[in-house]
Amino acid sequence: MTTLDLKGLLCPMPIVKMAKAIKEIEVGQTLEAVATDPGVMADVPAWCRSTGHELVTLEKLDKQFHFVVRRAQ
């Protein structure tokens, strides 16, 4: 699993970094990320819907947002 540290980045940078990183993993592999921008709670599910990737988990822990996305294509 590839892990991204997106803490301190504001929209749209978490999605930009995720889009780049997901291209570097194989189909079926997962990308795990931690962000501090609350916008990811809406942006990540929307990005997954528009790209076809699977949102495995998305949760808020304290002031951080943890999510896992599986590459679909």
C-alpha atoms as a PDB file:
ATOM      1  CA  MET A   1       0.000   0.000   0.000  1.00  0.00           C
ATOM      2  CA  THR A   2       1.274   3.447  -0.952  1.00  0.00           C
ATOM      3  CA  THR A   3       0.839   6.160   1.691  1.00  0.00           C
ATOM      4  CA  LEU A   4       0.537   9.887   1.041  1.00  0.00           C
ATOM      5  CA  ASP A   5       1.004  12.632   3.611  1.00  0.00           C
ATOM      6  CA  LEU A   6      -1.354  15.423   2.529  1.00  0.00           C
ATOM      7  CA  LYS A   7      -1.375  17.253   5.860  1.00  0.00           C
ATOM      8  CA  GLY A   8      -1.289  21.029   5.535  1.00  0.00           C
ATOM      9  CA  LEU A   9      -2.377  21.027   1.887  1.00  0.00           C
ATOM     10  CA  LEU A  10      -5.538  22.872   0.888  1.00  0.00           C
ATOM     11  CA  CYS A  11      -7.948  22.191  -1.964  1.00  0.00           C
ATOM     12  CA  PRO A  12      -7.239  21.269  -4.705  1.00  0.00           C
ATOM     13  CA  MET A  13      -3.752  19.990  -3.820  1.00  0.00           C
ATOM     14  CA  PRO A  14      -4.806  16.793  -1.969  1.00  0.00           C
ATOM     15  CA  ILE A  15      -6.726  15.644  -5.064  1.00  0.00           C
ATOM     16  CA  VAL A  16      -3.927  16.734  -7.422  1.00  0.00           C
ATOM     17  CA  LYS A  17      -1.345  14.754  -5.424  1.00  0.00           C
ATOM     18  CA  MET A  18      -3.683  11.750  -5.173  1.00  0.00           C
ATOM     19  CA  ALA A  19      -4.383  11.748  -8.905  1.00  0.00           C
ATOM     20  CA  LYS A  20      -0.652  11.683  -9.620  1.00  0.00           C
ATOM     21  CA  ALA A  21       0.103   8.987  -7.035  1.00  0.00           C
ATOM     22  CA  ILE A  22      -2.686   6.652  -8.135  1.00  0.00           C
ATOM     23  CA  LYS A  23      -1.187   6.519 -11.637  1.00  0.00           C
ATOM     24  CA  GLU A  24       2.002   5.111 -10.103  1.00  0.00           C
ATOM     25  CA  ILE A  25       0.344   2.039  -8.556  1.00  0.00           C
ATOM     26  CA  GLU A  26      -1.072  -1.054 -10.225  1.00  0.00           C
ATOM     27  CA  VAL A  27      -4.786  -1.636 -10.832  1.00  0.00           C
ATOM     28  CA  GLY A  28      -6.262  -3.234  -7.699  1.00  0.00           C
ATOM     29  CA  GLN A  29      -3.657  -1.743  -5.353  1.00  0.00           C
ATOM     30  CA  THR A  30      -4.615   0.787  -2.700  1.00  0.00           C
ATOM     31  CA  LEU A  31      -3.498   4.278  -1.899  1.00  0.00           C
ATOM     32  CA  GLU A  32      -3.736   5.425   1.712  1.00  0.00           C
ATOM     33  CA  ALA A  33      -3.667   9.125   2.599  1.00  0.00           C
ATOM     34  CA  VAL A  34      -3.882  11.442   5.590  1.00  0.00           C
ATOM     35  CA  ALA A  35      -5.058  15.041   5.148  1.00  0.00           C
ATOM     36  CA  THR A  36      -6.003  17.962   7.387  1.00  0.00           C
ATOM     37  CA  ASP A  37      -8.236  19.855   4.929  1.00  0.00           C
ATOM     38  CA  PRO A  38     -11.885  19.088   5.812  1.00  0.00           C
ATOM     39  CA  GLY A  39     -12.727  19.561   2.131  1.00  0.00           C
ATOM     40  CA  VAL A  40     -11.432  16.043   1.416  1.00  0.00           C
ATOM     41  CA  MET A  41     -14.590  14.654   3.040  1.00  0.00           C
ATOM     42  CA  ALA A  42     -16.513  15.845  -0.036  1.00  0.00           C
ATOM     43  CA  ASP A  43     -13.704  16.018  -2.595  1.00  0.00           C
ATOM     44  CA  VAL A  44     -12.376  12.453  -2.300  1.00  0.00           C
ATOM     45  CA  PRO A  45     -15.759  10.707  -2.773  1.00  0.00           C
ATOM     46  CA  ALA A  46     -16.545  13.038  -5.704  1.00  0.00           C
ATOM     47  CA  TRP A  47     -13.148  12.356  -7.279  1.00  0.00           C
ATOM     48  CA  CYS A  48     -13.644   8.600  -6.880  1.00  0.00           C
ATOM     49  CA  ARG A  49     -17.077   8.792  -8.530  1.00  0.00           C
ATOM     50  CA  SER A  50     -15.718  10.802 -11.458  1.00  0.00           C
ATOM     51  CA  THR A  51     -12.633   8.618 -12.009  1.00  0.00           C
ATOM     52  CA  GLY A  52     -14.142   5.208 -11.244  1.00  0.00           C
ATOM     53  CA  HIS A  53     -11.711   4.417  -8.413  1.00  0.00           C
ATOM     54  CA  GLU A  54     -13.113   2.715  -5.300  1.00  0.00           C
ATOM     55  CA  LEU A  55     -13.284   4.621  -2.018  1.00  0.00           C
ATOM     56  CA  VAL A  56     -12.490   1.900   0.515  1.00  0.00           C
ATOM     57  CA  THR A  57     -12.560   4.004   3.700  1.00  0.00           C
ATOM     58  CA  LEU A  58     -12.870   7.652   4.678  1.00  0.00           C
ATOM     59  CA  GLU A  59     -12.857   8.647   8.327  1.00  0.00           C
ATOM     60  CA  LYS A  60     -12.083  11.569  10.592  1.00  0.00           C
ATOM     61  CA  LEU A  61      -9.711  10.856  13.460  1.00  0.00           C
ATOM     62  CA  ASP A  62      -9.167  13.879  15.695  1.00  0.00           C
ATOM     63  CA  LYS A  63      -8.307  16.699  13.260  1.00  0.00           C
ATOM     64  CA  GLN A  64      -7.071  14.425  10.490  1.00  0.00           C
ATOM     65  CA  PHE A  65      -8.872  12.677   7.662  1.00  0.00           C
ATOM     66  CA  HIS A  66      -7.733   9.182   6.730  1.00  0.00           C
ATOM     67  CA  PHE A  67      -8.815   7.522   3.523  1.00  0.00           C
ATOM     68  CA  VAL A  68      -7.981   4.569   1.313  1.00  0.00           C
ATOM     69  CA  VAL A  69      -8.671   4.428  -2.420  1.00  0.00           C
ATOM     70  CA  ARG A  70      -8.324   1.334  -4.637  1.00  0.00           C
ATOM     71  CA  ARG A  71      -7.191   1.899  -8.225  1.00  0.00           C
ATOM     72  CA  ALA A  72      -9.872   0.646 -10.598  1.00  0.00           C
ATOM     73  CA  GLN A  73      -8.301   1.172 -14.021  1.00  0.00           C
END
